[in-house]
N, C-alpha and C. Protein backbone atom coordinates (compact mmCIF):
# COMPACT_ATOMS: atom_id res chain seq x y z
N MET A 1 26.01 -0.43 -0.05
CA MET A 1 25.47 0.43 -1.40
C MET A 1 24.33 -0.46 -2.23
N LYS A 2 23.54 0.61 -2.20
CA LYS A 2 21.86 0.59 -3.32
C LYS A 2 22.15 1.30 -4.40
N PHE A 3 21.75 0.82 -5.03
CA PHE A 3 21.52 1.61 -6.88
C PHE A 3 20.54 0.79 -7.68
N THR A 4 19.79 1.26 -8.60
CA THR A 4 18.83 1.30 -9.78
C THR A 4 19.80 0.57 -10.65
N ALA A 5 19.63 -0.71 -11.04
CA ALA A 5 20.18 -1.51 -12.34
C ALA A 5 19.32 -2.39 -13.24
N ARG A 6 19.83 -2.74 -14.51
CA ARG A 6 19.09 -3.85 -15.18
C ARG A 6 19.93 -4.52 -15.82
N ILE A 7 19.34 -5.87 -15.79
CA ILE A 7 20.51 -6.76 -16.29
C ILE A 7 20.35 -6.81 -17.92
N LYS A 8 22.22 -6.94 -17.92
CA LYS A 8 22.51 -6.40 -19.41
C LYS A 8 22.58 -8.04 -20.00
N ASP A 9 23.03 -8.72 -19.12
CA ASP A 9 23.35 -10.12 -20.05
C ASP A 9 23.75 -11.61 -18.56
N ILE A 10 23.57 -12.27 -18.62
CA ILE A 10 23.13 -13.28 -18.04
C ILE A 10 23.80 -14.54 -18.77
N ALA A 11 24.98 -15.26 -17.85
CA ALA A 11 25.69 -16.21 -18.77
C ALA A 11 26.39 -17.02 -17.86
N ARG A 12 26.76 -18.23 -18.16
CA ARG A 12 27.55 -19.27 -17.69
C ARG A 12 29.03 -19.46 -17.96
N THR A 13 29.60 -19.49 -16.63
CA THR A 13 31.51 -19.67 -17.26
C THR A 13 31.16 -21.39 -17.44
N LEU A 14 32.57 -21.65 -18.00
CA LEU A 14 33.06 -23.18 -18.30
C LEU A 14 33.24 -23.57 -16.71
N ALA A 15 33.72 -23.09 -16.01
CA ALA A 15 33.13 -23.90 -14.33
C ALA A 15 32.41 -23.89 -13.60
N GLY A 16 30.76 -23.68 -14.40
CA GLY A 16 29.70 -23.68 -13.99
C GLY A 16 29.18 -22.69 -13.38
N SER A 17 29.83 -21.32 -12.92
CA SER A 17 29.45 -19.98 -12.29
C SER A 17 28.55 -19.62 -13.15
N LEU A 18 27.68 -18.77 -12.47
CA LEU A 18 26.64 -17.72 -13.43
C LEU A 18 27.39 -16.45 -13.05
N THR A 19 27.27 -15.75 -14.16
CA THR A 19 27.66 -14.49 -14.18
C THR A 19 26.47 -13.66 -14.64
N ILE A 20 26.53 -11.97 -13.75
CA ILE A 20 25.32 -11.33 -14.21
C ILE A 20 25.82 -9.91 -14.51
N THR A 21 25.77 -9.27 -15.99
CA THR A 21 26.43 -8.09 -15.79
C THR A 21 25.64 -7.35 -15.79
N LEU A 22 25.41 -6.05 -14.64
CA LEU A 22 24.38 -5.10 -14.20
C LEU A 22 24.46 -3.83 -15.45
N GLU A 23 23.87 -3.09 -15.64
CA GLU A 23 24.28 -1.84 -16.18
C GLU A 23 23.14 -0.62 -15.63
N SER A 24 24.02 0.36 -15.11
CA SER A 24 23.62 1.14 -14.08
C SER A 24 23.82 2.97 -14.34
N PRO A 25 23.22 3.26 -15.25
CA PRO A 25 23.68 4.95 -15.84
C PRO A 25 24.02 5.78 -14.69
N ARG A 26 23.49 5.37 -13.44
CA ARG A 26 23.74 6.45 -12.19
C ARG A 26 24.62 6.20 -11.19
N LEU A 27 25.47 5.03 -11.44
CA LEU A 27 26.20 4.37 -10.38
C LEU A 27 27.57 4.97 -10.88
N GLU A 28 27.70 5.73 -9.71
CA GLU A 28 29.31 6.08 -10.36
C GLU A 28 30.29 5.23 -10.69
N ALA A 29 31.77 5.76 -11.37
CA ALA A 29 32.41 4.88 -11.63
C ALA A 29 33.48 4.51 -10.48
N GLU A 30 33.88 5.39 -9.69
CA GLU A 30 34.45 5.27 -8.22
C GLU A 30 33.93 4.34 -7.35
N ALA A 31 32.33 4.82 -6.94
CA ALA A 31 31.59 3.71 -6.29
C ALA A 31 31.97 2.18 -6.87
N ALA A 32 31.60 1.87 -8.06
CA ALA A 32 31.80 0.81 -8.82
C ALA A 32 33.18 0.17 -8.43
N ALA A 33 34.17 1.12 -8.74
CA ALA A 33 35.48 0.31 -8.59
C ALA A 33 35.86 -0.13 -7.35
N ALA A 34 35.35 0.69 -6.41
CA ALA A 34 35.50 0.50 -4.80
C ALA A 34 34.77 -1.12 -4.36
N LEU A 35 33.75 -1.54 -5.23
CA LEU A 35 33.25 -3.13 -4.98
C LEU A 35 34.04 -4.23 -5.26
N MET A 36 35.17 -3.49 -6.36
CA MET A 36 35.91 -5.00 -7.29
C MET A 36 37.02 -4.91 -5.75
N ASP A 37 37.26 -4.58 -4.86
CA ASP A 37 38.10 -5.13 -3.83
C ASP A 37 37.52 -5.87 -2.82
N ILE A 38 36.58 -6.03 -2.46
CA ILE A 38 35.43 -6.60 -1.94
C ILE A 38 35.46 -8.53 -2.35
N ASP A 39 35.94 -9.63 -1.47
CA ASP A 39 36.04 -10.72 -1.99
C ASP A 39 34.42 -11.22 -2.24
N SER A 40 33.52 -10.85 -1.31
CA SER A 40 32.07 -11.43 -1.23
C SER A 40 31.19 -10.81 -0.40
N LEU A 41 30.10 -10.56 -1.73
CA LEU A 41 29.00 -9.58 -1.37
C LEU A 41 27.73 -10.31 -1.23
N ASP A 42 26.60 -9.62 -0.45
CA ASP A 42 25.49 -10.31 -0.05
C ASP A 42 24.69 -9.54 -1.45
N VAL A 43 24.05 -9.87 -2.09
CA VAL A 43 23.25 -9.72 -3.08
C VAL A 43 21.93 -9.84 -2.94
N GLU A 44 20.99 -9.11 -3.10
CA GLU A 44 19.46 -8.94 -3.32
C GLU A 44 19.02 -8.33 -4.81
N ILE A 45 18.40 -8.92 -5.51
CA ILE A 45 18.13 -8.29 -6.71
C ILE A 45 16.48 -8.64 -6.51
N LYS A 46 15.96 -7.40 -7.01
CA LYS A 46 14.43 -7.60 -6.93
C LYS A 46 13.99 -6.74 -8.26
N LYS A 47 12.78 -6.91 -8.59
CA LYS A 47 12.41 -5.92 -9.54
C LYS A 47 12.12 -4.34 -9.05
N HIS A 48 12.21 -3.42 -9.40
CA HIS A 48 12.29 -2.06 -9.40
C HIS A 48 11.12 -1.68 -9.41
N ARG A 49 10.63 -0.66 -8.53
CA ARG A 49 9.21 -0.35 -8.06
C ARG A 49 9.39 0.95 -7.46
N THR A 50 8.91 1.91 -8.28
CA THR A 50 8.66 3.41 -7.93
C THR A 50 7.73 3.93 -6.74
N LYS A 51 8.60 4.06 -5.45
CA LYS A 51 7.99 4.24 -3.87
C LYS A 51 7.03 5.46 -4.34
N ARG A 52 5.92 5.35 -3.95
CA ARG A 52 4.87 6.40 -3.23
C ARG A 52 5.90 7.69 -2.31
N SER A 53 5.28 8.51 -3.51
CA SER A 53 5.99 10.05 -2.26
C SER A 53 5.52 9.88 -0.85
N LEU A 54 5.95 10.68 0.21
CA LEU A 54 5.45 11.12 0.96
C LEU A 54 4.19 12.19 1.05
N ASP A 55 4.63 13.04 0.14
CA ASP A 55 3.43 13.74 -0.08
C ASP A 55 2.05 13.26 -0.23
N ALA A 56 1.90 12.36 -0.75
CA ALA A 56 0.53 11.68 -1.42
C ALA A 56 0.05 11.08 -0.21
N ASN A 57 1.01 10.66 0.74
CA ASN A 57 0.89 10.18 2.12
C ASN A 57 0.32 11.29 2.93
N ALA A 58 0.91 12.39 3.42
CA ALA A 58 0.40 13.39 3.82
C ALA A 58 -1.33 13.75 3.43
N TYR A 59 -1.10 13.80 2.17
CA TYR A 59 -2.42 14.36 1.37
C TYR A 59 -3.56 13.62 1.57
N TYR A 60 -3.29 12.17 1.70
CA TYR A 60 -4.12 11.19 1.96
C TYR A 60 -4.48 11.44 3.23
N TRP A 61 -3.71 11.42 4.37
CA TRP A 61 -4.40 11.54 5.72
C TRP A 61 -4.84 12.87 5.87
N VAL A 62 -4.77 13.82 5.35
CA VAL A 62 -5.40 15.66 5.69
C VAL A 62 -6.96 15.49 5.13
N LEU A 63 -6.87 14.97 3.79
CA LEU A 63 -7.95 14.51 3.18
C LEU A 63 -9.00 13.57 3.97
N LEU A 64 -8.30 12.72 4.77
CA LEU A 64 -9.50 11.37 5.48
C LEU A 64 -9.67 12.20 6.27
N THR A 65 -8.95 12.98 7.26
CA THR A 65 -8.93 13.85 8.63
C THR A 65 -10.26 14.68 8.23
N ARG A 66 -10.42 15.48 7.27
CA ARG A 66 -11.39 16.41 6.36
C ARG A 66 -12.53 15.70 6.41
N LEU A 67 -12.78 14.52 5.96
CA LEU A 67 -13.74 13.73 5.54
C LEU A 67 -14.71 13.32 6.98
N ALA A 68 -13.57 12.76 7.68
CA ALA A 68 -13.85 11.89 9.09
C ALA A 68 -14.74 13.04 9.87
N LYS A 69 -14.25 14.26 10.30
CA LYS A 69 -15.17 15.21 10.57
C LYS A 69 -16.58 15.27 10.15
N ILE A 70 -16.78 15.54 8.80
CA ILE A 70 -17.86 15.41 8.08
C ILE A 70 -18.80 14.34 8.65
N LEU A 71 -17.94 13.30 8.26
CA LEU A 71 -18.97 11.91 8.85
C LEU A 71 -18.87 11.39 10.33
N ARG A 72 -18.32 12.74 11.07
CA ARG A 72 -18.61 12.13 12.41
C ARG A 72 -18.03 10.67 12.76
N VAL A 73 -16.76 10.29 12.28
CA VAL A 73 -16.15 8.87 12.53
C VAL A 73 -14.65 9.17 12.87
N SER A 74 -14.32 8.29 13.62
CA SER A 74 -12.54 8.40 13.56
C SER A 74 -11.71 8.06 12.51
N ASN A 75 -10.52 8.75 13.10
CA ASN A 75 -9.63 8.61 11.38
C ASN A 75 -9.45 6.86 11.31
N ALA A 76 -9.46 6.19 12.60
CA ALA A 76 -8.80 5.21 12.31
C ALA A 76 -10.10 4.30 11.45
N GLU A 77 -11.21 4.17 12.28
CA GLU A 77 -12.35 3.86 11.59
C GLU A 77 -12.70 3.99 9.73
N LEU A 78 -12.43 5.36 9.49
CA LEU A 78 -12.54 5.84 8.02
C LEU A 78 -11.43 5.49 7.19
N HIS A 79 -10.05 5.44 7.91
CA HIS A 79 -9.00 4.42 6.83
C HIS A 79 -9.36 3.27 7.05
N ASN A 80 -9.78 2.14 7.76
CA ASN A 80 -10.22 0.81 7.64
C ASN A 80 -11.43 0.58 6.66
N ILE A 81 -12.67 1.79 6.46
CA ILE A 81 -13.05 1.76 5.39
C ILE A 81 -12.50 1.84 3.95
N MET A 82 -11.69 2.82 3.84
CA MET A 82 -10.93 3.34 2.51
C MET A 82 -10.11 2.12 2.38
N LEU A 83 -9.63 1.29 2.99
CA LEU A 83 -8.92 0.28 2.67
C LEU A 83 -9.79 -0.85 2.46
N SER A 84 -10.66 -1.00 3.29
CA SER A 84 -11.77 -2.12 2.84
C SER A 84 -12.68 -2.09 1.47
N LYS A 85 -12.60 -0.43 1.16
CA LYS A 85 -13.06 -0.22 -0.45
C LYS A 85 -12.38 -0.44 -1.54
N TYR A 86 -11.01 0.23 -1.38
CA TYR A 86 -10.32 0.77 -2.45
C TYR A 86 -8.78 -0.01 -1.99
N GLY A 87 -8.44 -0.92 -1.10
CA GLY A 87 -7.18 -1.64 -0.65
C GLY A 87 -7.07 -2.80 -1.51
N PHE A 88 -6.00 -3.20 -0.91
CA PHE A 88 -5.51 -4.61 -1.27
C PHE A 88 -5.41 -5.63 -0.27
N MET A 89 -5.52 -6.80 -0.42
CA MET A 89 -5.44 -7.86 0.01
C MET A 89 -4.07 -8.17 0.82
N GLU A 90 -4.09 -8.72 2.00
CA GLU A 90 -2.76 -9.68 2.33
C GLU A 90 -2.74 -10.97 1.94
N ILE A 91 -1.53 -11.06 0.97
CA ILE A 91 -1.27 -12.71 0.24
C ILE A 91 -0.19 -13.42 0.55
N VAL A 92 -0.21 -14.42 1.07
CA VAL A 92 1.06 -15.15 1.49
C VAL A 92 1.20 -16.34 1.01
N ASP A 93 2.20 -16.70 0.22
CA ASP A 93 2.29 -17.98 -0.93
C ASP A 93 0.93 -18.10 -1.75
N GLY A 94 0.18 -17.30 -2.59
CA GLY A 94 -1.02 -16.82 -2.92
C GLY A 94 -2.15 -17.08 -2.78
N ARG A 95 -2.66 -17.02 -1.17
CA ARG A 95 -3.53 -17.05 -0.73
C ARG A 95 -3.78 -16.08 0.73
N THR A 96 -4.95 -15.65 0.39
CA THR A 96 -5.48 -14.22 1.28
C THR A 96 -5.40 -15.22 2.78
N ILE A 97 -5.22 -13.97 3.54
CA ILE A 97 -5.54 -14.46 5.26
C ILE A 97 -6.92 -14.12 5.86
N LYS A 98 -7.20 -14.97 6.23
CA LYS A 98 -8.09 -14.88 7.02
C LYS A 98 -8.58 -15.23 8.49
N ALA A 99 -9.41 -14.33 9.17
CA ALA A 99 -9.66 -14.44 10.27
C ALA A 99 -11.05 -14.82 10.77
N VAL A 100 -11.43 -15.44 11.81
CA VAL A 100 -13.00 -15.78 12.11
C VAL A 100 -12.97 -15.06 13.67
N LEU A 101 -13.78 -14.15 13.85
CA LEU A 101 -14.30 -13.51 15.03
C LEU A 101 -15.58 -14.17 15.60
N PRO A 102 -16.24 -13.05 16.58
CA PRO A 102 -17.22 -13.44 16.81
C PRO A 102 -18.32 -12.19 15.87
N ASP A 103 -19.21 -12.77 15.62
CA ASP A 103 -20.58 -11.64 14.82
C ASP A 103 -20.83 -10.86 15.41
N THR A 104 -20.38 -10.32 16.51
CA THR A 104 -20.73 -9.09 17.65
C THR A 104 -21.02 -7.64 16.87
N ASP A 105 -21.41 -6.43 17.62
CA ASP A 105 -20.83 -5.14 17.61
C ASP A 105 -19.90 -5.07 18.00
N GLU A 106 -19.71 -5.27 18.98
CA GLU A 106 -18.18 -5.19 20.17
C GLU A 106 -16.83 -5.24 19.29
N ALA A 107 -17.15 -6.67 18.63
CA ALA A 107 -15.89 -7.27 17.63
C ALA A 107 -15.76 -6.50 16.14
N ASN A 108 -16.98 -6.12 16.15
CA ASN A 108 -16.89 -5.46 14.59
C ASN A 108 -16.39 -3.93 14.49
N LYS A 109 -16.51 -3.41 16.12
CA LYS A 109 -16.24 -1.80 16.35
C LYS A 109 -14.90 -1.96 16.78
N LYS A 110 -13.99 -3.14 17.46
CA LYS A 110 -12.50 -3.20 17.56
C LYS A 110 -11.81 -3.49 16.14
N VAL A 111 -12.57 -3.96 15.56
CA VAL A 111 -11.84 -4.51 14.18
C VAL A 111 -11.78 -3.12 13.31
N MET A 112 -13.03 -2.23 13.28
CA MET A 112 -12.92 -0.97 12.82
C MET A 112 -12.30 0.49 13.21
N GLU A 113 -11.49 0.12 14.46
CA GLU A 113 -10.89 1.36 15.24
C GLU A 113 -9.53 0.62 15.16
N SER A 114 -9.07 -0.30 14.61
CA SER A 114 -7.69 -0.95 14.64
C SER A 114 -6.75 -0.13 13.92
N THR A 115 -5.82 0.40 14.75
CA THR A 115 -4.88 0.84 13.94
C THR A 115 -3.44 -0.37 13.29
N VAL A 116 -3.76 -1.12 14.10
CA VAL A 116 -2.59 -2.11 13.77
C VAL A 116 -2.41 -3.35 13.00
N TYR A 117 -4.22 -3.77 12.61
CA TYR A 117 -4.19 -4.80 11.84
C TYR A 117 -5.21 -3.79 11.19
N HIS A 118 -5.71 -4.76 9.80
CA HIS A 118 -6.69 -4.07 9.18
C HIS A 118 -7.35 -5.40 8.61
N LEU A 119 -8.70 -5.18 8.90
CA LEU A 119 -9.87 -6.62 8.47
C LEU A 119 -11.19 -6.31 7.66
N ARG A 120 -11.58 -6.77 6.40
CA ARG A 120 -12.69 -6.22 5.97
C ARG A 120 -13.38 -7.81 6.15
N ALA A 121 -14.73 -7.40 6.51
CA ALA A 121 -15.53 -8.44 6.72
C ALA A 121 -16.44 -9.04 5.71
N THR A 122 -16.49 -10.15 5.43
CA THR A 122 -17.09 -10.86 4.42
C THR A 122 -18.60 -11.15 4.70
N SER A 123 -19.14 -11.93 3.67
CA SER A 123 -20.47 -12.20 4.08
C SER A 123 -20.92 -13.53 4.99
N ASP A 124 -19.50 -14.40 5.01
CA ASP A 124 -19.78 -15.49 5.40
C ASP A 124 -19.25 -15.32 6.89
N ALA A 125 -20.96 -15.76 7.52
CA ALA A 125 -21.34 -15.75 8.89
C ALA A 125 -21.94 -17.12 9.14
N ARG A 126 -21.39 -18.11 10.12
CA ARG A 126 -21.80 -19.38 10.73
C ARG A 126 -21.41 -19.24 12.05
N PRO A 127 -22.82 -20.05 12.67
CA PRO A 127 -22.78 -20.72 14.37
C PRO A 127 -21.94 -21.56 14.25
N GLY A 128 -21.31 -21.23 15.89
CA GLY A 128 -20.05 -22.40 16.06
C GLY A 128 -20.40 -23.04 17.02
N ASN A 129 -19.50 -24.07 17.32
CA ASN A 129 -19.89 -24.93 18.24
C ASN A 129 -20.40 -24.64 19.44
N ASP A 130 -20.21 -23.37 19.85
CA ASP A 130 -20.68 -22.49 21.08
C ASP A 130 -22.15 -22.05 20.99
N GLY A 131 -22.64 -22.02 19.52
CA GLY A 131 -23.90 -21.40 19.61
C GLY A 131 -23.83 -19.58 18.92
N MET A 132 -22.71 -19.38 19.34
CA MET A 132 -22.63 -18.12 18.64
C MET A 132 -22.06 -17.89 17.22
N MET A 133 -22.19 -16.83 16.68
CA MET A 133 -22.31 -16.41 15.31
C MET A 133 -20.98 -16.12 15.08
N TYR A 134 -19.90 -16.54 13.99
CA TYR A 134 -18.96 -16.37 13.61
C TYR A 134 -18.80 -15.71 12.51
N ARG A 135 -18.20 -14.25 11.98
CA ARG A 135 -18.25 -13.95 11.32
C ARG A 135 -16.45 -14.31 10.30
N THR A 136 -16.13 -14.53 8.98
CA THR A 136 -15.01 -14.38 8.54
C THR A 136 -14.46 -12.88 8.07
N TYR A 137 -13.21 -12.62 8.37
CA TYR A 137 -12.87 -11.31 7.83
C TYR A 137 -11.52 -11.84 6.89
N LEU A 138 -11.30 -11.06 6.24
CA LEU A 138 -10.27 -11.26 4.99
C LEU A 138 -9.32 -9.86 5.83
N MET A 139 -7.81 -10.29 5.64
CA MET A 139 -6.83 -9.14 5.86
C MET A 139 -5.98 -8.57 5.17
N LEU A 140 -6.17 -7.17 4.95
CA LEU A 140 -6.06 -6.22 4.21
C LEU A 140 -4.42 -5.73 4.47
N ARG A 141 -3.51 -5.24 3.53
CA ARG A 141 -2.50 -4.56 3.30
C ARG A 141 -2.61 -3.31 4.23
N GLY A 142 -1.72 -2.81 4.82
CA GLY A 142 -1.71 -1.44 5.54
C GLY A 142 -1.12 -0.25 4.35
N SER A 143 -1.61 0.75 4.63
CA SER A 143 -1.49 1.40 2.91
C SER A 143 0.23 2.05 2.85
N SER A 144 1.10 1.54 4.25
CA SER A 144 2.05 2.27 4.19
C SER A 144 3.02 1.02 3.62
N THR A 145 2.41 -0.16 2.64
CA THR A 145 2.92 -0.85 1.89
C THR A 145 2.80 -0.57 0.34
N TYR A 146 1.96 0.41 0.04
CA TYR A 146 1.53 0.60 -1.14
C TYR A 146 2.54 0.98 -1.85
N ASN A 147 2.51 0.81 -3.48
CA ASN A 147 3.49 1.81 -4.20
C ASN A 147 2.74 2.80 -4.80
N THR A 148 3.12 3.59 -5.67
CA THR A 148 2.47 4.94 -6.39
C THR A 148 1.04 4.47 -6.69
N ALA A 149 0.91 3.15 -7.70
CA ALA A 149 -0.28 2.89 -8.35
C ALA A 149 -1.45 2.76 -7.44
N GLU A 150 -0.96 1.67 -6.08
CA GLU A 150 -1.66 1.51 -5.10
C GLU A 150 -2.30 2.50 -4.77
N MET A 151 -1.38 3.39 -3.86
CA MET A 151 -1.80 4.49 -3.03
C MET A 151 -2.56 5.75 -3.98
N SER A 152 -2.22 5.51 -5.28
CA SER A 152 -3.10 6.68 -6.50
C SER A 152 -4.29 5.81 -5.92
N ARG A 153 -4.63 4.49 -6.35
CA ARG A 153 -6.08 4.08 -6.17
C ARG A 153 -6.95 4.29 -4.96
N LEU A 154 -6.06 4.35 -4.04
CA LEU A 154 -6.78 4.77 -2.43
C LEU A 154 -7.27 5.97 -2.59
N ILE A 155 -6.48 6.88 -2.89
CA ILE A 155 -6.20 8.38 -2.96
C ILE A 155 -7.68 8.80 -4.17
N ASP A 156 -7.46 8.04 -4.95
CA ASP A 156 -8.76 8.54 -5.88
C ASP A 156 -9.71 8.01 -5.33
N GLY A 157 -10.25 6.94 -4.74
CA GLY A 157 -11.34 6.37 -4.16
C GLY A 157 -11.71 7.26 -3.12
N LEU A 158 -10.79 7.83 -1.96
CA LEU A 158 -11.04 9.01 -1.11
C LEU A 158 -11.51 10.21 -1.61
N VAL A 159 -11.20 10.61 -2.73
CA VAL A 159 -11.82 11.54 -3.31
C VAL A 159 -13.03 11.52 -3.94
N CYS A 160 -13.08 10.38 -4.17
CA CYS A 160 -14.84 10.40 -5.00
C CYS A 160 -15.56 10.02 -3.42
N ASP A 161 -15.04 9.73 -2.46
CA ASP A 161 -15.89 9.62 -1.37
C ASP A 161 -16.51 11.20 -0.82
N CYS A 162 -15.52 11.81 -0.91
CA CYS A 162 -15.45 13.21 -0.61
C CYS A 162 -16.60 14.18 -1.27
N LYS A 163 -16.24 13.71 -2.64
CA LYS A 163 -17.22 14.45 -3.49
C LYS A 163 -18.61 13.72 -3.11
N ASP A 164 -18.88 12.69 -2.93
CA ASP A 164 -20.07 12.39 -2.63
C ASP A 164 -20.72 12.50 -1.42
N ALA A 165 -19.76 13.16 -0.35
CA ALA A 165 -20.21 13.53 0.89
C ALA A 165 -20.46 15.17 0.82
N GLY A 166 -20.49 15.79 -0.46
CA GLY A 166 -20.81 16.85 -0.79
C GLY A 166 -19.81 17.88 -0.59
N MET A 167 -18.49 17.56 -0.28
CA MET A 167 -17.32 18.53 -0.34
C MET A 167 -16.91 19.19 -1.65
N SER A 168 -16.61 20.25 -1.84
CA SER A 168 -16.24 20.80 -3.08
C SER A 168 -14.80 20.59 -3.30
N GLY A 169 -14.39 20.95 -4.78
CA GLY A 169 -13.23 20.45 -5.13
C GLY A 169 -12.08 21.59 -4.39
N SER A 170 -12.70 22.63 -3.73
CA SER A 170 -11.69 23.41 -3.12
C SER A 170 -11.56 22.84 -1.79
N GLU A 171 -12.63 22.76 -1.11
CA GLU A 171 -11.80 22.11 -0.22
C GLU A 171 -11.22 20.36 0.28
N ILE A 172 -11.62 19.80 -1.24
CA ILE A 172 -10.75 18.69 -1.31
C ILE A 172 -9.14 18.57 -1.38
N ALA A 173 -8.90 19.66 -2.29
CA ALA A 173 -7.67 20.08 -2.36
C ALA A 173 -7.28 21.72 -3.05
N SER A 174 -6.42 22.05 -3.13
CA SER A 174 -6.08 23.59 -2.88
C SER A 174 -5.27 23.20 -4.99
N PRO A 175 -5.36 24.55 -5.44
CA PRO A 175 -5.11 24.23 -6.47
C PRO A 175 -3.54 23.69 -6.86
N ASP A 176 -2.70 24.21 -5.97
CA ASP A 176 -1.19 23.05 -6.08
C ASP A 176 -1.44 21.70 -5.52
N GLU A 177 -2.27 21.17 -4.51
CA GLU A 177 -2.88 19.75 -4.28
C GLU A 177 -3.28 19.25 -5.95
N ARG A 178 -4.15 19.68 -6.60
CA ARG A 178 -4.70 19.79 -7.50
C ARG A 178 -3.73 19.09 -8.82
N ARG A 179 -2.88 20.42 -9.05
CA ARG A 179 -1.76 19.71 -9.89
C ARG A 179 -1.17 18.91 -9.90
N VAL A 180 -0.47 18.49 -8.56
CA VAL A 180 0.04 17.47 -8.38
C VAL A 180 -0.49 15.85 -8.34
N LEU A 181 -1.84 16.32 -7.90
CA LEU A 181 -2.73 14.98 -8.02
C LEU A 181 -2.88 14.88 -9.82
N LYS A 182 -3.09 15.56 -10.10
CA LYS A 182 -2.99 15.07 -11.90
C LYS A 182 -1.58 14.75 -12.34
N GLU A 183 -0.83 15.43 -12.05
CA GLU A 183 0.59 15.13 -12.67
C GLU A 183 1.30 14.06 -12.17
N ARG A 184 1.03 13.90 -10.89
CA ARG A 184 1.98 12.35 -10.69
C ARG A 184 0.71 11.17 -10.58
N TYR A 185 -0.23 11.32 -10.15
CA TYR A 185 -1.09 10.28 -9.83
C TYR A 185 -2.24 10.08 -11.03
N GLY A 186 -2.33 10.95 -11.93
CA GLY A 186 -3.72 11.35 -12.48
C GLY A 186 -5.05 11.43 -12.11
N ILE A 187 -4.80 11.86 -10.71
CA ILE A 187 -6.53 12.37 -10.39
C ILE A 187 -6.87 13.41 -10.24
N ASP A 188 -8.24 13.70 -11.26
CA ASP A 188 -9.01 14.86 -11.48
C ASP A 188 -9.23 15.34 -9.97
N VAL A 189 -9.34 16.49 -9.81
CA VAL A 189 -10.41 16.96 -8.50
C VAL A 189 -11.21 18.02 -8.60
């Protein structure tokens, strides 16, 4: 069973156990009562985050495809460009993930066409012991991990790039799409 709740109280019993009282306005009484008969539960408590809607994802890909045709680049390349400009770095234990790759057109093309990983080139290019130049890249999070606010930033950036490419408001979004973008994400098209 999965539900959204808020912590109402945290206390320690005389025996030293921790008691956490949860409050959930949407959890049905029968469902909660069924939990009482279970000896032991595996519990995960994490901050609630509003997930982005699938319509935002669908809209992003439709618009990205329109712009990719105008720019004559692949969807994968344009998606990587958008993530580089408006996306978020992958962070593990408070640190960004870096990759050092040959500083060649071939390596850069492979990075830009990747759908498995997303990297952003930095200005850090240095010669290796083998005499070749190597460039440092930063790993980016894929958009499938974005929450509503992060996806909003990505879509807003894409919309700006569409306008810069000369797309009209009606090419960027239908009246219904404009309404949804404004209401849900605060994006004006």
